[in-house]
Amino acid sequence: MRYRMVQALVTVAALAGAVAAGPGTLPPALGQPAAPGMHVASVVLAHGVKQGNVFGEGDLTPIDPGTSFVTTDVPQAFVKVTAAPGDAPLTMRLVGPAGVGYGVDVRTPKRRDGKPWQSFQFVAPLYILGTDLESATGTWHFQVLTNNQVQNDTLFQWQPAQASALLDIKHAVDAAPLQADLHWRYGAAFALFNQTEPAIRELNNAIRLDPKYALYHITLGRVYAREGNKSAAINEFQAALGIHGSFYDPVFQSWAQENLNRLKAAQ
């Protein structure tokens, strides 16, 4: 599974920005005015998407759809809207047992002919693994909002993974050793099972392959902070704050700043 591919799909779908909030808090001003006639036709949660260029070939096809995930997974959300004008806004929000994790505002691309989209599909990764949200097992909600009103609420279960899941991720890494996303997932999974040395190794491999992705630095910083290496942790969180270019920037920077504030408060 190519997580960056999924992010690229969100980019094409014109992800306009993001608002992040810590668990248990409500993010400000989430929800946008609904476009006249736009309808949320379906929401599917899945473990991945088909490889290749899916645009111009109909709807995206999720692989292994489901509403139950384990803590080493990286769920994806597929949101299909119909009768959507170009530049039509909606909000996608992730809510865990402790409250809102984060939300992102998205817009449909503008069409050259000015006509509405008969159907359009947004795709987004649900970032839980490798973040402070990962331990919140239980019932989660993926919500789609317009005009501050929930139009669709899809429930899923986030369940503890077994250590045997590491072997499956290793197979994926061995098959595609130059994919930074897979090394990140492998390292984050090692950290989940408190295997610090391989976690740091794999997260550094991800950063070596792609140093300009903030989430990798945030995940590594969390491992360093847990091990008491404050200076290394601060370096990673500061690195994350200096990285721009992802439509999840506000989410990632909020997490990086929150972790920095926590470290400084403990000094």
Protein backbone atom coordinates (compact mmCIF):
# COMPACT_ATOMS: atom_id res chain seq x y z
CA MET A 1 0.00 0.00 0.00
CA ARG A 2 1.33 3.37 -0.98
CA TYR A 3 0.27 5.89 1.67
CA ARG A 4 1.83 8.73 -0.29
CA MET A 5 -0.22 7.67 -3.29
CA VAL A 6 -3.34 8.15 -1.20
CA GLN A 7 -2.13 11.56 -0.14
CA ALA A 8 -1.55 12.44 -3.79
CA LEU A 9 -5.16 11.54 -4.50
CA VAL A 10 -6.25 13.92 -1.78
CA THR A 11 -4.04 16.58 -3.34
CA VAL A 12 -5.73 16.16 -6.70
CA ALA A 13 -9.02 16.37 -4.86
CA ALA A 14 -7.98 19.84 -3.72
CA LEU A 15 -7.58 19.41 0.01
CA ALA A 16 -7.80 23.04 1.02
CA GLY A 17 -6.51 22.93 4.57
CA ALA A 18 -6.72 21.22 7.93
CA VAL A 19 -7.53 22.05 11.52
CA ALA A 20 -6.04 19.93 14.29
CA ALA A 21 -7.15 19.54 17.87
CA GLY A 22 -5.97 17.37 20.72
CA PRO A 23 -8.11 14.45 21.82
CA GLY A 24 -11.11 15.57 23.84
CA THR A 25 -11.31 19.03 22.32
CA LEU A 26 -13.47 20.35 19.51
CA PRO A 27 -11.60 21.96 16.61
CA PRO A 28 -12.69 25.52 15.78
CA ALA A 29 -14.87 26.34 12.79
CA LEU A 30 -15.05 22.86 11.32
CA GLY A 31 -17.80 22.36 8.78
CA GLN A 32 -18.44 24.44 5.70
CA PRO A 33 -21.58 25.62 3.91
CA ALA A 34 -23.11 22.81 1.91
CA ALA A 35 -23.11 23.10 -1.86
CA PRO A 36 -26.67 23.13 -3.24
CA GLY A 37 -27.64 19.65 -4.39
CA MET A 38 -24.42 17.96 -3.25
CA HIS A 39 -25.05 14.58 -1.67
CA VAL A 40 -22.75 12.29 0.31
CA ALA A 41 -23.48 9.08 -1.58
CA SER A 42 -21.20 6.68 0.30
CA VAL A 43 -18.30 6.31 2.70
CA VAL A 44 -16.07 3.22 2.62
CA LEU A 45 -13.18 2.53 4.95
CA ALA A 46 -10.41 0.31 3.59
CA HIS A 47 -6.84 -0.85 4.09
CA GLY A 48 -5.60 0.39 0.71
CA VAL A 49 -6.31 1.34 -2.89
CA LYS A 50 -5.49 -0.23 -6.23
CA GLN A 51 -2.17 0.79 -7.70
CA GLY A 52 -2.00 2.86 -10.86
CA ASN A 53 -3.74 5.89 -12.23
CA VAL A 54 -7.38 5.59 -11.24
CA PHE A 55 -8.58 8.97 -12.51
CA GLY A 56 -10.61 8.81 -15.70
CA GLU A 57 -11.48 5.18 -14.96
CA GLY A 58 -14.58 5.60 -12.84
CA ASP A 59 -14.79 5.41 -9.08
CA LEU A 60 -11.77 4.46 -7.00
CA THR A 61 -11.95 0.85 -5.90
CA PRO A 62 -11.07 0.13 -2.29
CA ILE A 63 -9.21 -3.05 -1.45
CA ASP A 64 -10.20 -5.01 1.66
CA PRO A 65 -12.96 -2.65 2.83
CA GLY A 66 -14.02 -3.04 6.42
CA THR A 67 -14.92 -1.39 9.66
CA SER A 68 -12.42 -3.18 11.89
CA PHE A 69 -8.71 -2.36 12.02
CA VAL A 70 -5.81 -3.25 14.29
CA THR A 71 -3.34 -0.76 15.68
CA THR A 72 -0.64 -1.50 13.10
CA ASP A 73 -3.01 -0.65 10.23
CA VAL A 74 -3.26 2.61 8.34
CA PRO A 75 -6.95 2.94 7.44
CA GLN A 76 -8.08 4.90 4.39
CA ALA A 77 -11.40 6.68 3.89
CA PHE A 78 -13.21 6.88 0.53
CA VAL A 79 -15.92 9.54 0.40
CA LYS A 80 -18.12 9.65 -2.70
CA VAL A 81 -20.24 12.75 -3.37
CA THR A 82 -22.70 13.27 -6.19
CA ALA A 83 -24.14 16.35 -7.88
CA ALA A 84 -21.18 18.35 -6.55
CA PRO A 85 -20.31 21.69 -8.16
CA GLY A 86 -16.65 22.56 -8.65
CA ASP A 87 -15.06 24.06 -5.53
CA ALA A 88 -17.74 22.50 -3.33
CA PRO A 89 -16.60 22.23 0.32
CA LEU A 90 -17.03 19.53 2.92
CA THR A 91 -15.24 18.50 6.10
CA MET A 92 -13.89 15.07 7.00
CA ARG A 93 -13.41 14.49 10.73
CA LEU A 94 -11.85 11.67 12.75
CA VAL A 95 -13.27 11.11 16.23
CA GLY A 96 -11.85 8.66 18.75
CA PRO A 97 -13.01 7.46 22.17
CA ALA A 98 -11.43 10.54 23.78
CA GLY A 99 -12.93 13.07 21.37
CA VAL A 100 -12.05 14.72 18.08
CA GLY A 101 -8.64 13.73 16.75
CA TYR A 102 -8.51 16.08 13.78
CA GLY A 103 -10.49 17.35 10.84
CA VAL A 104 -9.66 18.37 7.29
CA ASP A 105 -11.56 20.67 4.96
CA VAL A 106 -11.70 19.58 1.32
CA ARG A 107 -13.09 20.97 -1.92
CA THR A 108 -13.92 19.39 -5.24
CA PRO A 109 -11.74 20.58 -8.13
CA LYS A 110 -13.18 23.13 -10.51
CA ARG A 111 -14.24 21.74 -13.89
CA ARG A 112 -13.23 23.46 -17.10
CA ASP A 113 -16.78 23.25 -18.43
CA GLY A 114 -18.25 24.67 -15.24
CA LYS A 115 -20.62 21.72 -14.85
CA PRO A 116 -21.10 19.89 -11.55
CA TRP A 117 -19.46 16.54 -10.94
CA GLN A 118 -21.83 13.65 -11.50
CA SER A 119 -19.75 11.87 -8.86
CA PHE A 120 -16.43 12.62 -7.22
CA GLN A 121 -14.47 10.66 -4.68
CA PHE A 122 -12.16 11.97 -1.96
CA VAL A 123 -9.56 9.66 -0.46
CA ALA A 124 -7.71 10.34 2.79
CA PRO A 125 -5.45 8.38 5.15
CA LEU A 126 -6.65 8.25 8.74
CA TYR A 127 -3.48 9.01 10.70
CA ILE A 128 -3.64 7.09 13.99
CA LEU A 129 -0.57 4.83 14.02
CA GLY A 130 2.56 6.67 15.07
CA THR A 131 0.64 9.49 16.76
CA ASP A 132 -0.70 10.17 20.23
CA LEU A 133 -4.04 8.74 19.07
CA GLU A 134 -2.78 5.19 18.52
CA SER A 135 -3.54 3.86 22.01
CA ALA A 136 -7.20 4.90 21.91
CA THR A 137 -8.63 1.48 21.08
CA GLY A 138 -12.35 0.97 20.83
CA THR A 139 -15.02 2.58 18.69
CA TRP A 140 -13.99 5.37 16.33
CA HIS A 141 -16.04 7.56 14.00
CA PHE A 142 -15.17 8.89 10.58
CA GLN A 143 -17.57 11.77 9.93
CA VAL A 144 -18.41 13.85 6.88
CA LEU A 145 -19.83 17.30 7.65
CA THR A 146 -21.33 20.15 5.69
CA ASN A 147 -22.35 23.44 7.26
CA ASN A 148 -21.26 22.09 10.69
CA GLN A 149 -23.77 19.26 10.38
CA VAL A 150 -22.79 15.59 10.28
CA GLN A 151 -24.03 14.11 7.01
CA ASN A 152 -22.43 10.69 7.43
CA ASP A 153 -21.04 8.94 10.50
CA THR A 154 -19.15 5.71 9.79
CA LEU A 155 -18.11 3.67 12.81
CA PHE A 156 -15.08 1.41 12.94
CA GLN A 157 -13.22 -0.58 15.58
CA TRP A 158 -9.57 0.12 16.44
CA GLN A 159 -8.31 -3.05 18.08
CA PRO A 160 -4.93 -4.00 19.60
CA ALA A 161 -2.68 -5.77 17.09
CA GLN A 162 -0.64 -8.87 17.84
CA ALA A 163 3.15 -8.80 17.50
CA SER A 164 2.77 -11.26 14.61
CA ALA A 165 1.57 -8.30 12.50
CA LEU A 166 5.20 -7.16 12.34
CA LEU A 167 6.04 -10.06 10.05
CA ASP A 168 3.38 -9.02 7.53
CA ILE A 169 4.76 -5.49 7.46
CA LYS A 170 8.31 -6.84 7.06
CA HIS A 171 7.20 -8.75 3.98
CA ALA A 172 5.84 -5.51 2.51
CA VAL A 173 9.08 -3.67 3.29
CA ASP A 174 11.18 -6.47 1.77
CA ALA A 175 9.07 -6.33 -1.39
CA ALA A 176 9.44 -2.54 -1.73
CA PRO A 177 12.56 -1.47 0.22
CA LEU A 178 12.65 2.04 -1.25
CA GLN A 179 9.15 3.01 -0.08
CA ALA A 180 9.62 5.40 2.81
CA ASP A 181 6.00 5.00 3.91
CA LEU A 182 6.47 1.29 4.54
CA HIS A 183 9.60 1.87 6.63
CA TRP A 184 7.65 4.46 8.63
CA ARG A 185 4.82 2.00 9.22
CA TYR A 186 7.30 -0.71 10.22
CA GLY A 187 9.07 1.60 12.65
CA ALA A 188 5.83 2.90 14.13
CA ALA A 189 4.65 -0.69 14.61
CA PHE A 190 7.90 -1.63 16.36
CA ALA A 191 7.43 1.38 18.65
CA LEU A 192 3.88 0.24 19.39
CA PHE A 193 5.35 -2.99 20.79
CA ASN A 194 8.09 -1.12 22.67
CA GLN A 195 10.86 -2.48 20.45
CA THR A 196 12.84 0.72 20.53
CA GLU A 197 16.03 -0.11 18.63
CA PRO A 198 14.35 -1.46 15.45
CA ALA A 199 11.74 1.32 15.69
CA ILE A 200 14.43 4.01 15.59
CA ARG A 201 16.26 2.19 12.80
CA GLU A 202 13.20 1.90 10.56
CA LEU A 203 11.98 5.45 11.22
CA ASN A 204 15.43 6.76 10.35
CA ASN A 205 15.26 4.68 7.16
CA ALA A 206 11.98 6.38 6.29
CA ILE A 207 13.49 9.82 6.91
CA ARG A 208 16.58 8.95 4.88
CA LEU A 209 14.35 8.01 1.94
CA ASP A 210 12.07 11.02 2.36
CA PRO A 211 13.35 13.66 4.82
CA LYS A 212 10.61 16.16 3.94
CA TYR A 213 7.62 14.44 5.48
CA ALA A 214 6.69 15.75 8.92
CA LEU A 215 4.88 12.67 10.21
CA TYR A 216 8.06 10.59 10.08
CA HIS A 217 9.85 13.09 12.32
CA ILE A 218 6.90 13.29 14.72
CA THR A 219 6.78 9.52 15.13
CA LEU A 220 10.54 9.31 15.69
CA GLY A 221 10.40 12.23 18.11
CA ARG A 222 7.76 10.42 20.17
CA VAL A 223 10.03 7.36 20.44
CA TYR A 224 12.99 9.49 21.55
CA ALA A 225 10.82 11.32 24.09
CA ARG A 226 9.56 8.05 25.53
CA GLU A 227 13.13 6.85 25.94
CA GLY A 228 14.16 10.06 27.73
CA ASN A 229 16.32 11.40 24.88
CA LYS A 230 14.87 14.90 25.04
CA SER A 231 17.44 16.63 22.84
CA ALA A 232 16.90 14.15 19.98
CA ALA A 233 13.14 14.38 20.42
CA ILE A 234 13.22 18.18 20.30
CA ASN A 235 15.29 18.04 17.13
CA GLU A 236 12.70 15.82 15.43
CA PHE A 237 9.71 17.92 16.49
CA GLN A 238 11.46 21.09 15.38
CA ALA A 239 12.28 19.43 12.06
CA ALA A 240 8.58 18.61 11.65
CA LEU A 241 7.64 22.23 12.31
CA GLY A 242 9.98 23.35 9.54
CA ILE A 243 8.47 21.07 6.89
CA HIS A 244 5.74 22.35 4.58
CA GLY A 245 4.05 21.11 1.45
CA SER A 246 1.57 18.54 2.74
CA PHE A 247 -2.09 19.38 2.96
CA TYR A 248 -1.93 17.88 6.46
CA ASP A 249 0.57 20.57 7.52
CA PRO A 250 -1.73 22.16 10.15
CA VAL A 251 -2.42 18.74 11.69
CA PHE A 252 1.23 17.69 11.75
CA GLN A 253 2.45 21.03 13.05
CA SER A 254 -0.14 20.99 15.81
CA TRP A 255 1.09 17.56 16.90
CA ALA A 256 4.74 18.59 16.72
CA GLN A 257 4.10 21.76 18.74
CA GLU A 258 2.05 19.88 21.34
CA ASN A 259 4.89 17.39 21.85
CA LEU A 260 7.43 20.21 22.10
CA ASN A 261 5.31 21.99 24.70
CA ARG A 262 5.04 18.78 26.69
CA LEU A 263 8.82 18.31 26.72
CA LYS A 264 9.46 21.92 27.74
CA ALA A 265 6.89 21.70 30.53
CA ALA A 266 8.66 18.64 31.90
CA GLN A 267 12.06 20.37 32.08
